[in-house]
Amino acid sequence: MLYVRSLAFNFVFYVNLIVQMILWTPYYFLSPRHRAWFVPKFWSHTSMWLYDKIAGTKSEIIGQENLPEGSFILAPKHQSFWDAIAFFPFLQDPIYILKRELTWIPFFGWYILKMRMIPVDRGSRSKALKAVVAATRQELARNPRQLIIYPEGTRRAPGDEPAYKYGIVELYTQLGIPVVPVAHVAGLYWPRRKFLRFPGTIKARFLPPIPAGLGKEEFMERLIGETEAACDQLLIEASQAPNPPPMPPTAVKRLRELGSDTPA
């Protein structure tokens, strides 16, 4: 049954994406940008609804009171495609940093360009980072926006050793805006590089914002320490749920380090 529900959800998920992208096209491209945001946010809500009804996985996101007014950086853990679509409905005018090649995809790329996302060329990291900082600063000068950036860059398995990149530090320092860490263990339920979707409840938390103006080392220590501590707590809660999802080796190892019993 798990395989059937997973296959059914994956199929319906992409059909929902394609159908909505086509049906909403006139409204999306003829509307002002602030109104057009309704479309991707509506798609996110319907995707989470389908995930619940077909795969049996609920999404519980708390801590919205920690989201500041105006511009800030949202810094989620990156474990799954789930965390790429679950958070932006809570933001007024989010920005993603993404590969330029994505803007070349018909319809999808046009939707990205409409929302003034920040495409970057692969190549020199230092040049790319400078371009991102300049483009983001320009966007924030036009109106308040919320930059979504994954501090570890690529998706990592739940419980894996943290591997935070320097880019988040440079953006925090250069832009002078607060950072809101986001903790979750969505990779237990929507694993990377797998089609299986395990039932349960994905819990995520917007943590209290780290204020602007801290030194680079202090900021990085706080970001890693606060994010990982919250993720550890969510990992323990998931492992002790009545019907816990399968624990990958990285999660089992981390639970042992935390002194928590792992499910049989």
C-alpha atoms as a PDB file:
ATOM      1  CA  MET A   1       0.000   0.000   0.000  1.00  0.00           C
ATOM      2  CA  LEU A   2       2.903   2.350   0.747  1.00  0.00           C
ATOM      3  CA  TYR A   3       4.193   1.929  -2.820  1.00  0.00           C
ATOM      4  CA  VAL A   4       0.749   2.486  -4.336  1.00  0.00           C
ATOM      5  CA  ARG A   5       0.092   5.651  -2.314  1.00  0.00           C
ATOM      6  CA  SER A   6       3.581   6.975  -3.028  1.00  0.00           C
ATOM      7  CA  LEU A   7       3.228   6.389  -6.765  1.00  0.00           C
ATOM      8  CA  ALA A   8      -0.250   7.923  -6.755  1.00  0.00           C
ATOM      9  CA  PHE A   9       0.914  11.023  -4.911  1.00  0.00           C
ATOM     10  CA  ASN A  10       3.966  11.557  -7.128  1.00  0.00           C
ATOM     11  CA  PHE A  11       1.788  11.302 -10.234  1.00  0.00           C
ATOM     12  CA  VAL A  12      -0.936  13.625  -8.942  1.00  0.00           C
ATOM     13  CA  PHE A  13       1.622  16.067  -7.560  1.00  0.00           C
ATOM     14  CA  TYR A  14       3.186  16.714 -10.969  1.00  0.00           C
ATOM     15  CA  VAL A  15      -0.157  16.670 -12.775  1.00  0.00           C
ATOM     16  CA  ASN A  16      -1.398  19.285 -10.322  1.00  0.00           C
ATOM     17  CA  LEU A  17       1.699  21.404 -11.010  1.00  0.00           C
ATOM     18  CA  ILE A  18       1.343  21.234 -14.788  1.00  0.00           C
ATOM     19  CA  VAL A  19      -2.427  21.754 -14.882  1.00  0.00           C
ATOM     20  CA  GLN A  20      -2.369  24.730 -12.521  1.00  0.00           C
ATOM     21  CA  MET A  21       0.566  26.294 -14.328  1.00  0.00           C
ATOM     22  CA  ILE A  22      -1.392  26.177 -17.585  1.00  0.00           C
ATOM     23  CA  LEU A  23      -4.822  27.140 -16.228  1.00  0.00           C
ATOM     24  CA  TRP A  24      -3.555  30.078 -14.161  1.00  0.00           C
ATOM     25  CA  THR A  25      -1.351  31.489 -16.936  1.00  0.00           C
ATOM     26  CA  PRO A  26      -3.703  34.332 -18.061  1.00  0.00           C
ATOM     27  CA  TYR A  27      -4.404  35.510 -14.519  1.00  0.00           C
ATOM     28  CA  TYR A  28      -0.782  35.115 -13.420  1.00  0.00           C
ATOM     29  CA  PHE A  29       0.868  37.070 -16.211  1.00  0.00           C
ATOM     30  CA  LEU A  30      -1.814  39.768 -16.514  1.00  0.00           C
ATOM     31  CA  SER A  31      -1.908  40.487 -12.768  1.00  0.00           C
ATOM     32  CA  PRO A  32       0.423  42.751 -10.800  1.00  0.00           C
ATOM     33  CA  ARG A  33       3.170  40.764  -9.123  1.00  0.00           C
ATOM     34  CA  HIS A  34       1.745  41.101  -5.591  1.00  0.00           C
ATOM     35  CA  ARG A  35      -1.577  39.607  -6.773  1.00  0.00           C
ATOM     36  CA  ALA A  36       0.078  36.952  -8.931  1.00  0.00           C
ATOM     37  CA  TRP A  37       1.675  35.482  -5.797  1.00  0.00           C
ATOM     38  CA  PHE A  38      -1.738  33.930  -5.136  1.00  0.00           C
ATOM     39  CA  VAL A  39      -1.045  31.309  -7.797  1.00  0.00           C
ATOM     40  CA  PRO A  40       2.161  29.656  -6.472  1.00  0.00           C
ATOM     41  CA  LYS A  41       0.886  29.948  -2.900  1.00  0.00           C
ATOM     42  CA  PHE A  42      -2.396  28.291  -3.866  1.00  0.00           C
ATOM     43  CA  TRP A  43      -0.416  25.551  -5.611  1.00  0.00           C
ATOM     44  CA  SER A  44       1.627  25.003  -2.448  1.00  0.00           C
ATOM     45  CA  HIS A  45      -1.529  24.691  -0.339  1.00  0.00           C
ATOM     46  CA  THR A  46      -3.109  22.214  -2.764  1.00  0.00           C
ATOM     47  CA  SER A  47       0.119  20.190  -2.907  1.00  0.00           C
ATOM     48  CA  MET A  48       0.205  19.896   0.888  1.00  0.00           C
ATOM     49  CA  TRP A  49      -3.489  18.923   0.872  1.00  0.00           C
ATOM     50  CA  LEU A  50      -2.852  16.197  -1.710  1.00  0.00           C
ATOM     51  CA  TYR A  51       0.171  15.014   0.278  1.00  0.00           C
ATOM     52  CA  ASP A  52      -2.063  14.595   3.317  1.00  0.00           C
ATOM     53  CA  LYS A  53      -5.002  12.946   1.535  1.00  0.00           C
ATOM     54  CA  ILE A  54      -3.052  10.597  -0.757  1.00  0.00           C
ATOM     55  CA  ALA A  55       0.209   9.834   1.080  1.00  0.00           C
ATOM     56  CA  GLY A  56      -1.207  10.296   4.578  1.00  0.00           C
ATOM     57  CA  THR A  57       1.401  12.907   5.578  1.00  0.00           C
ATOM     58  CA  LYS A  58       0.310  16.052   7.372  1.00  0.00           C
ATOM     59  CA  SER A  59       2.384  19.240   7.553  1.00  0.00           C
ATOM     60  CA  GLU A  60       2.507  21.114  10.853  1.00  0.00           C
ATOM     61  CA  ILE A  61       4.423  24.401  10.665  1.00  0.00           C
ATOM     62  CA  ILE A  62       4.589  26.545  13.800  1.00  0.00           C
ATOM     63  CA  GLY A  63       6.403  29.678  14.986  1.00  0.00           C
ATOM     64  CA  GLN A  64       4.878  32.186  12.555  1.00  0.00           C
ATOM     65  CA  GLU A  65       5.060  34.754  15.353  1.00  0.00           C
ATOM     66  CA  ASN A  66       8.861  34.679  14.896  1.00  0.00           C
ATOM     67  CA  LEU A  67       8.665  36.043  11.345  1.00  0.00           C
ATOM     68  CA  PRO A  68       9.670  39.752  11.447  1.00  0.00           C
ATOM     69  CA  GLU A  69       7.988  42.498   9.498  1.00  0.00           C
ATOM     70  CA  GLY A  70       9.742  43.658   6.338  1.00  0.00           C
ATOM     71  CA  SER A  71      12.896  42.120   4.903  1.00  0.00           C
ATOM     72  CA  PHE A  72      14.724  39.152   6.415  1.00  0.00           C
ATOM     73  CA  ILE A  73      16.519  35.957   5.423  1.00  0.00           C
ATOM     74  CA  LEU A  74      14.736  32.643   5.920  1.00  0.00           C
ATOM     75  CA  ALA A  75      17.283  29.860   6.498  1.00  0.00           C
ATOM     76  CA  PRO A  76      15.673  26.395   6.446  1.00  0.00           C
ATOM     77  CA  LYS A  77      17.296  23.012   6.701  1.00  0.00           C
ATOM     78  CA  HIS A  78      17.357  21.398   3.262  1.00  0.00           C
ATOM     79  CA  GLN A  79      16.415  17.710   3.272  1.00  0.00           C
ATOM     80  CA  SER A  80      13.632  17.316   0.770  1.00  0.00           C
ATOM     81  CA  PHE A  81      11.612  18.889  -2.038  1.00  0.00           C
ATOM     82  CA  TRP A  82       9.009  19.481   0.685  1.00  0.00           C
ATOM     83  CA  ASP A  83      11.042  22.327   2.198  1.00  0.00           C
ATOM     84  CA  ALA A  84      11.239  24.001  -1.221  1.00  0.00           C
ATOM     85  CA  ILE A  85       7.474  24.532  -1.371  1.00  0.00           C
ATOM     86  CA  ALA A  86       6.168  24.473   2.207  1.00  0.00           C
ATOM     87  CA  PHE A  87       7.430  27.799   3.559  1.00  0.00           C
ATOM     88  CA  PHE A  88       6.903  30.513   0.949  1.00  0.00           C
ATOM     89  CA  PRO A  89       3.103  30.753   1.538  1.00  0.00           C
ATOM     90  CA  PHE A  90       3.955  32.201   4.973  1.00  0.00           C
ATOM     91  CA  LEU A  91       6.033  35.005   3.426  1.00  0.00           C
ATOM     92  CA  GLN A  92       4.753  38.207   1.877  1.00  0.00           C
ATOM     93  CA  ASP A  93       7.148  38.469  -1.089  1.00  0.00           C
ATOM     94  CA  PRO A  94       9.839  35.766  -1.021  1.00  0.00           C
ATOM     95  CA  ILE A  95      12.948  35.528  -3.201  1.00  0.00           C
ATOM     96  CA  TYR A  96      14.742  32.325  -4.138  1.00  0.00           C
ATOM     97  CA  ILE A  97      18.307  32.080  -5.409  1.00  0.00           C
ATOM     98  CA  LEU A  98      18.344  29.454  -8.144  1.00  0.00           C
ATOM     99  CA  LYS A  99      20.296  28.105 -11.087  1.00  0.00           C
ATOM    100  CA  ARG A 100      19.884  30.182 -14.238  1.00  0.00           C
ATOM    101  CA  GLU A 101      19.112  27.032 -16.228  1.00  0.00           C
ATOM    102  CA  LEU A 102      15.766  26.752 -14.426  1.00  0.00           C
ATOM    103  CA  THR A 103      14.599  29.973 -16.061  1.00  0.00           C
ATOM    104  CA  TRP A 104      14.951  28.310 -19.475  1.00  0.00           C
ATOM    105  CA  ILE A 105      12.203  25.744 -18.750  1.00  0.00           C
ATOM    106  CA  PRO A 106       8.954  26.660 -20.582  1.00  0.00           C
ATOM    107  CA  PHE A 107       6.202  27.914 -18.267  1.00  0.00           C
ATOM    108  CA  PHE A 108       8.171  27.112 -15.094  1.00  0.00           C
ATOM    109  CA  GLY A 109      10.974  29.477 -16.045  1.00  0.00           C
ATOM    110  CA  TRP A 110       8.499  32.175 -17.064  1.00  0.00           C
ATOM    111  CA  TYR A 111       6.780  31.884 -13.687  1.00  0.00           C
ATOM    112  CA  ILE A 112      10.158  32.317 -11.964  1.00  0.00           C
ATOM    113  CA  LEU A 113      11.046  35.420 -13.958  1.00  0.00           C
ATOM    114  CA  LYS A 114       7.665  37.009 -13.202  1.00  0.00           C
ATOM    115  CA  MET A 115       8.452  36.897  -9.469  1.00  0.00           C
ATOM    116  CA  ARG A 116      11.918  38.438  -9.921  1.00  0.00           C
ATOM    117  CA  MET A 117      13.843  35.528  -8.455  1.00  0.00           C
ATOM    118  CA  ILE A 118      17.638  35.685  -8.559  1.00  0.00           C
ATOM    119  CA  PRO A 119      19.205  33.349 -11.134  1.00  0.00           C
ATOM    120  CA  VAL A 120      22.926  32.664 -10.849  1.00  0.00           C
ATOM    121  CA  ASP A 121      25.458  31.182 -13.253  1.00  0.00           C
ATOM    122  CA  ARG A 122      27.427  28.176 -12.146  1.00  0.00           C
ATOM    123  CA  GLY A 123      31.112  28.894 -12.055  1.00  0.00           C
ATOM    124  CA  SER A 124      33.201  31.000  -9.726  1.00  0.00           C
ATOM    125  CA  ARG A 125      31.584  30.929  -6.288  1.00  0.00           C
ATOM    126  CA  SER A 126      33.041  34.291  -5.293  1.00  0.00           C
ATOM    127  CA  LYS A 127      31.682  35.979  -8.434  1.00  0.00           C
ATOM    128  CA  ALA A 128      28.313  34.286  -8.010  1.00  0.00           C
ATOM    129  CA  LEU A 129      28.087  35.389  -4.376  1.00  0.00           C
ATOM    130  CA  LYS A 130      28.892  38.996  -5.261  1.00  0.00           C
ATOM    131  CA  ALA A 131      26.229  38.923  -7.970  1.00  0.00           C
ATOM    132  CA  VAL A 132      23.675  37.485  -5.546  1.00  0.00           C
ATOM    133  CA  VAL A 133      24.416  40.121  -2.910  1.00  0.00           C
ATOM    134  CA  ALA A 134      24.130  42.935  -5.471  1.00  0.00           C
ATOM    135  CA  ALA A 135      20.898  41.582  -6.961  1.00  0.00           C
ATOM    136  CA  THR A 136      19.331  40.987  -3.542  1.00  0.00           C
ATOM    137  CA  ARG A 137      20.297  44.439  -2.307  1.00  0.00           C
ATOM    138  CA  GLN A 138      18.658  45.931  -5.392  1.00  0.00           C
ATOM    139  CA  GLU A 139      15.450  43.976  -4.775  1.00  0.00           C
ATOM    140  CA  LEU A 140      15.299  44.955  -1.096  1.00  0.00           C
ATOM    141  CA  ALA A 141      15.747  48.607  -2.047  1.00  0.00           C
ATOM    142  CA  ARG A 142      12.639  48.409  -4.238  1.00  0.00           C
ATOM    143  CA  ASN A 143      10.369  46.925  -1.553  1.00  0.00           C
ATOM    144  CA  PRO A 144      10.600  44.625   1.489  1.00  0.00           C
ATOM    145  CA  ARG A 145      11.215  41.005   0.514  1.00  0.00           C
ATOM    146  CA  GLN A 146      12.220  37.770   2.226  1.00  0.00           C
ATOM    147  CA  LEU A 147      15.228  35.881   0.916  1.00  0.00           C
ATOM    148  CA  ILE A 148      15.005  32.079   1.207  1.00  0.00           C
ATOM    149  CA  ILE A 149      18.433  30.475   1.296  1.00  0.00           C
ATOM    150  CA  TYR A 150      19.490  27.007   2.402  1.00  0.00           C
ATOM    151  CA  PRO A 151      22.643  27.419   4.520  1.00  0.00           C
ATOM    152  CA  GLU A 152      23.925  23.940   3.667  1.00  0.00           C
ATOM    153  CA  GLY A 153      23.345  24.350  -0.055  1.00  0.00           C
ATOM    154  CA  THR A 154      22.361  20.826  -1.057  1.00  0.00           C
ATOM    155  CA  ARG A 155      19.896  18.398   0.480  1.00  0.00           C
ATOM    156  CA  ARG A 156      21.229  16.359   3.373  1.00  0.00           C
ATOM    157  CA  ALA A 157      19.818  13.324   5.162  1.00  0.00           C
ATOM    158  CA  PRO A 158      18.111  13.756   8.555  1.00  0.00           C
ATOM    159  CA  GLY A 159      20.614  13.528  11.384  1.00  0.00           C
ATOM    160  CA  ASP A 160      23.587  14.037   9.086  1.00  0.00           C
ATOM    161  CA  GLU A 161      26.564  16.108  10.221  1.00  0.00           C
ATOM    162  CA  PRO A 162      25.869  19.828   9.629  1.00  0.00           C
ATOM    163  CA  ALA A 163      27.719  21.352   6.674  1.00  0.00           C
ATOM    164  CA  TYR A 164      26.868  25.043   6.613  1.00  0.00           C
ATOM    165  CA  LYS A 165      28.378  27.132   3.805  1.00  0.00           C
ATOM    166  CA  TYR A 166      29.953  30.572   4.096  1.00  0.00           C
ATOM    167  CA  GLY A 167      27.454  32.178   1.706  1.00  0.00           C
ATOM    168  CA  ILE A 168      24.817  32.688   4.410  1.00  0.00           C
ATOM    169  CA  VAL A 169      27.367  34.576   6.524  1.00  0.00           C
ATOM    170  CA  GLU A 170      28.250  36.924   3.683  1.00  0.00           C
ATOM    171  CA  LEU A 171      24.609  37.620   2.869  1.00  0.00           C
ATOM    172  CA  TYR A 172      23.808  38.259   6.540  1.00  0.00           C
ATOM    173  CA  THR A 173      26.743  40.640   6.887  1.00  0.00           C
ATOM    174  CA  GLN A 174      26.292  42.483   3.596  1.00  0.00           C
ATOM    175  CA  LEU A 175      22.514  42.872   3.700  1.00  0.00           C
ATOM    176  CA  GLY A 176      22.206  43.828   7.364  1.00  0.00           C
ATOM    177  CA  ILE A 177      18.869  42.082   7.957  1.00  0.00           C
ATOM    178  CA  PRO A 178      17.834  39.418  10.507  1.00  0.00           C
ATOM    179  CA  VAL A 179      17.903  35.689   9.820  1.00  0.00           C
ATOM    180  CA  VAL A 180      15.109  33.295  10.770  1.00  0.00           C
ATOM    181  CA  PRO A 181      16.356  29.686  11.076  1.00  0.00           C
ATOM    182  CA  VAL A 182      13.870  26.916  10.225  1.00  0.00           C
ATOM    183  CA  ALA A 183      14.108  23.453  11.751  1.00  0.00           C
ATOM    184  CA  HIS A 184      12.426  20.288  10.441  1.00  0.00           C
ATOM    185  CA  VAL A 185      13.097  16.642   9.607  1.00  0.00           C
ATOM    186  CA  ALA A 186      10.994  16.409   6.430  1.00  0.00           C
ATOM    187  CA  GLY A 187      13.567  14.076   4.898  1.00  0.00           C
ATOM    188  CA  LEU A 188      12.202  11.274   7.082  1.00  0.00           C
ATOM    189  CA  TYR A 189       8.855  11.456   5.285  1.00  0.00           C
ATOM    190  CA  TRP A 190       9.749  12.804   1.825  1.00  0.00           C
ATOM    191  CA  PRO A 191      13.281  11.402   1.358  1.00  0.00           C
ATOM    192  CA  ARG A 192      15.715  12.810  -1.163  1.00  0.00           C
ATOM    193  CA  ARG A 193      16.331  10.712  -4.285  1.00  0.00           C
ATOM    194  CA  LYS A 194      13.473   8.308  -3.445  1.00  0.00           C
ATOM    195  CA  PHE A 195       9.883   8.085  -4.634  1.00  0.00           C
ATOM    196  CA  LEU A 196       8.496   6.721  -1.342  1.00  0.00           C
ATOM    197  CA  ARG A 197       6.372   9.074   0.772  1.00  0.00           C
ATOM    198  CA  PHE A 198       5.994   7.874   4.355  1.00  0.00           C
ATOM    199  CA  PRO A 199       2.849   8.715   6.371  1.00  0.00           C
ATOM    200  CA  GLY A 200       2.947  10.741   9.568  1.00  0.00           C
ATOM    201  CA  THR A 201       3.250  14.400  10.489  1.00  0.00           C
ATOM    202  CA  ILE A 202       6.090  16.617   9.279  1.00  0.00           C
ATOM    203  CA  LYS A 203       6.766  19.186  11.986  1.00  0.00           C
ATOM    204  CA  ALA A 204       8.652  22.387  11.213  1.00  0.00           C
ATOM    205  CA  ARG A 205       9.443  25.442  13.340  1.00  0.00           C
ATOM    206  CA  PHE A 206      10.301  29.026  12.475  1.00  0.00           C
ATOM    207  CA  LEU A 207      12.837  29.798  15.213  1.00  0.00           C
ATOM    208  CA  PRO A 208      13.336  33.222  16.833  1.00  0.00           C
ATOM    209  CA  PRO A 209      15.182  35.584  14.471  1.00  0.00           C
ATOM    210  CA  ILE A 210      18.897  36.156  14.831  1.00  0.00           C
ATOM    211  CA  PRO A 211      19.244  39.957  14.854  1.00  0.00           C
ATOM    212  CA  ALA A 212      21.335  41.848  12.336  1.00  0.00           C
ATOM    213  CA  GLY A 213      24.737  43.229  13.331  1.00  0.00           C
ATOM    214  CA  LEU A 214      26.417  40.251  14.991  1.00  0.00           C
ATOM    215  CA  GLY A 215      29.985  39.279  14.189  1.00  0.00           C
ATOM    216  CA  LYS A 216      30.461  36.565  11.599  1.00  0.00           C
ATOM    217  CA  GLU A 217      31.614  33.867  14.027  1.00  0.00           C
ATOM    218  CA  GLU A 218      28.917  34.643  16.588  1.00  0.00           C
ATOM    219  CA  PHE A 219      26.237  34.590  13.897  1.00  0.00           C
ATOM    220  CA  MET A 220      27.408  31.252  12.490  1.00  0.00           C
ATOM    221  CA  GLU A 221      27.595  29.690  15.954  1.00  0.00           C
ATOM    222  CA  ARG A 222      24.063  30.810  16.743  1.00  0.00           C
ATOM    223  CA  LEU A 223      22.660  29.716  13.385  1.00  0.00           C
ATOM    224  CA  ILE A 224      24.152  26.226  13.600  1.00  0.00           C
ATOM    225  CA  GLY A 225      23.575  25.761  17.316  1.00  0.00           C
ATOM    226  CA  GLU A 226      19.946  26.884  17.367  1.00  0.00           C
ATOM    227  CA  THR A 227      18.964  25.144  14.138  1.00  0.00           C
ATOM    228  CA  GLU A 228      20.604  21.823  14.969  1.00  0.00           C
ATOM    229  CA  ALA A 229      19.264  21.763  18.543  1.00  0.00           C
ATOM    230  CA  ALA A 230      15.718  22.254  17.260  1.00  0.00           C
ATOM    231  CA  CYS A 231      16.220  19.622  14.545  1.00  0.00           C
ATOM    232  CA  ASP A 232      17.512  17.157  17.140  1.00  0.00           C
ATOM    233  CA  GLN A 233      14.368  17.677  19.205  1.00  0.00           C
ATOM    234  CA  LEU A 234      12.137  17.136  16.165  1.00  0.00           C
ATOM    235  CA  LEU A 235      14.107  14.014  15.253  1.00  0.00           C
ATOM    236  CA  ILE A 236      13.540  12.583  18.735  1.00  0.00           C
ATOM    237  CA  GLU A 237       9.822  13.419  18.542  1.00  0.00           C
ATOM    238  CA  ALA A 238       9.537  11.733  15.137  1.00  0.00           C
ATOM    239  CA  SER A 239      11.337   8.608  16.351  1.00  0.00           C
ATOM    240  CA  GLN A 240       8.975   8.350  19.342  1.00  0.00           C
ATOM    241  CA  ALA A 241       5.772   8.854  17.350  1.00  0.00           C
ATOM    242  CA  PRO A 242       3.205   6.005  17.487  1.00  0.00           C
ATOM    243  CA  ASN A 243       4.058   4.991  13.893  1.00  0.00           C
ATOM    244  CA  PRO A 244       7.523   6.441  13.252  1.00  0.00           C
ATOM    245  CA  PRO A 245       8.917   6.662   9.723  1.00  0.00           C
ATOM    246  CA  PRO A 246      11.944   4.526   8.818  1.00  0.00           C
ATOM    247  CA  MET A 247      15.130   6.021  10.204  1.00  0.00           C
ATOM    248  CA  PRO A 248      18.068   6.338   7.791  1.00  0.00           C
ATOM    249  CA  PRO A 249      21.524   5.426   9.159  1.00  0.00           C
ATOM    250  CA  THR A 250      22.376   9.095   9.739  1.00  0.00           C
ATOM    251  CA  ALA A 251      19.271   9.531  11.910  1.00  0.00           C
ATOM    252  CA  VAL A 252      19.927   6.327  13.858  1.00  0.00           C
ATOM    253  CA  LYS A 253      23.495   7.429  14.538  1.00  0.00           C
ATOM    254  CA  ARG A 254      22.376  10.874  15.687  1.00  0.00           C
ATOM    255  CA  LEU A 255      19.664   9.482  17.946  1.00  0.00           C
ATOM    256  CA  ARG A 256      22.264   7.259  19.630  1.00  0.00           C
ATOM    257  CA  GLU A 257      24.519  10.272  20.132  1.00  0.00           C
ATOM    258  CA  LEU A 258      21.581  12.065  21.745  1.00  0.00           C
ATOM    259  CA  GLY A 259      20.941   9.092  24.029  1.00  0.00           C
ATOM    260  CA  SER A 260      17.488   8.477  22.566  1.00  0.00           C
ATOM    261  CA  ASP A 261      16.045   5.047  21.860  1.00  0.00           C
ATOM    262  CA  THR A 262      15.514   4.350  18.186  1.00  0.00           C
ATOM    263  CA  PRO A 263      12.513   2.431  16.855  1.00  0.00           C
ATOM    264  CA  ALA A 264      13.016  -1.270  16.233  1.00  0.00           C
END
